[in-house]
Amino acid sequence: MKKTKSKRKKRIPFIFPTLLLIVSLNVCAFSPATNVKQINMTKDLVSAFVNNEINTVVAKTTDAEVVRMLPYDFSTPKNPPNPDNFYTEGGKTCYKDSTIEVTCWREQSKIGLAEVCFADVKIKHPSQFRRQWANGDYNSASNQYPTNIFASSNGVVGMSDDFYKFRKYGVIVQYGTLICDKRSTHPRQKYLDVLVIDYNGDFKIWKDDELSEYIKQNGADDIMLSFTFGPAIVENGQPYDSTLEKTYPLGEPYMDSGRAAIGQLGKLHYLLCTFGSPGTIRQKMADIMAAKGCITAYNMDGGQTGSMIVNNTLYNKIAYLGRQRPVSDILYFCSAE
């Protein structure tokens, strides 16, 4: 007995620091925001691991469902989607596993000859809603095609978002880390709508000045993701009033342009949409998203930027030149299996 106790005393001091070192390297060393001044890694690989292990044990002893989560950090999910889980049904491209369901389809627009593409996404945990930067690094000096960014994300479905690096202002948060809080000095480019997603996966629209002040007072810990483009095009299930956006500087609202938007349909239930060439005005995009049942919907950067990717393949026809535009980031949804 004494010999056994002696061995344990020698092993524990060695094993515990080693585990801490491994976890620290995984959490911090590969963060693409290492040059960002404020890094908050309160929700990391350890919490994800503990959550998944507990859920697995509980599920084995009860009828409870296993709800797996991914780390709330800048890492890429370890496992790619299972190719066997992609299938076609009724002309729609689908994916389904225990953590995510995706259905993608195309519709012919009643406006001209444009094609409208949709992706209906249901996830089991908010951590499956993610953002990926060009070259895997927020600080990257170069952009990439959306399909190339997506290829390194291990995602199931994704879409171009606000192309943040194009304008270098906005309120950008990723998993509690404040990446940027810059206001435009141009009088017409103030008071932008910001899409804020909390740790329940729910959408909320903030004005950028109000969000900036909130973060200064309270920090960004309760913000999972934020995007700055806009405006909000559906709120409380109602399409917005286009007369209110005459001074909104982004997205050329009254031009027939290619469009991109994301909406929330319900709890952890989302809709992605791209509207191809010859395009439409933003009010029509709002009407489309409201008609599909969105509670909240937000306009993303469209035109040649607007891209939807499914199973590492470009799903929509890019507006104008038909070629992807290199961008700084995308949003995507992934499996947690």
Foldseek 3Di string as FASTA:
>chain_A
DVVVVVVVVVPVVVVVVVVVVVQCCVAPVQALLVVFPFDDQPFAPVVQVVLQVVLVVVVVVDVDDRQHADTQGLDADPAAADPVQWDADPNWIWGDDSFKTKTKDWDQDPPPRKIKIKIKMFGRFLRLKFKAWAVSHLPDPFFAFPLVRVVVRSFAKWKAFALCVVVVAFFWDAQQTTRHHHFDPDPLRAQFWKWWAFRQRDTDIDGSVVVVVCCVVPGRNGTHTMHTAWDKQAAQLRGDDVVVCPSNDHDQQQAFAWWWKKFAQDRRIIMTMIIAPPHHGVNVVSVVCSVVRGNIMTTHDGHQAIFMDGPSHTDGQGHDPSDHDGGTMMIGGHGSD
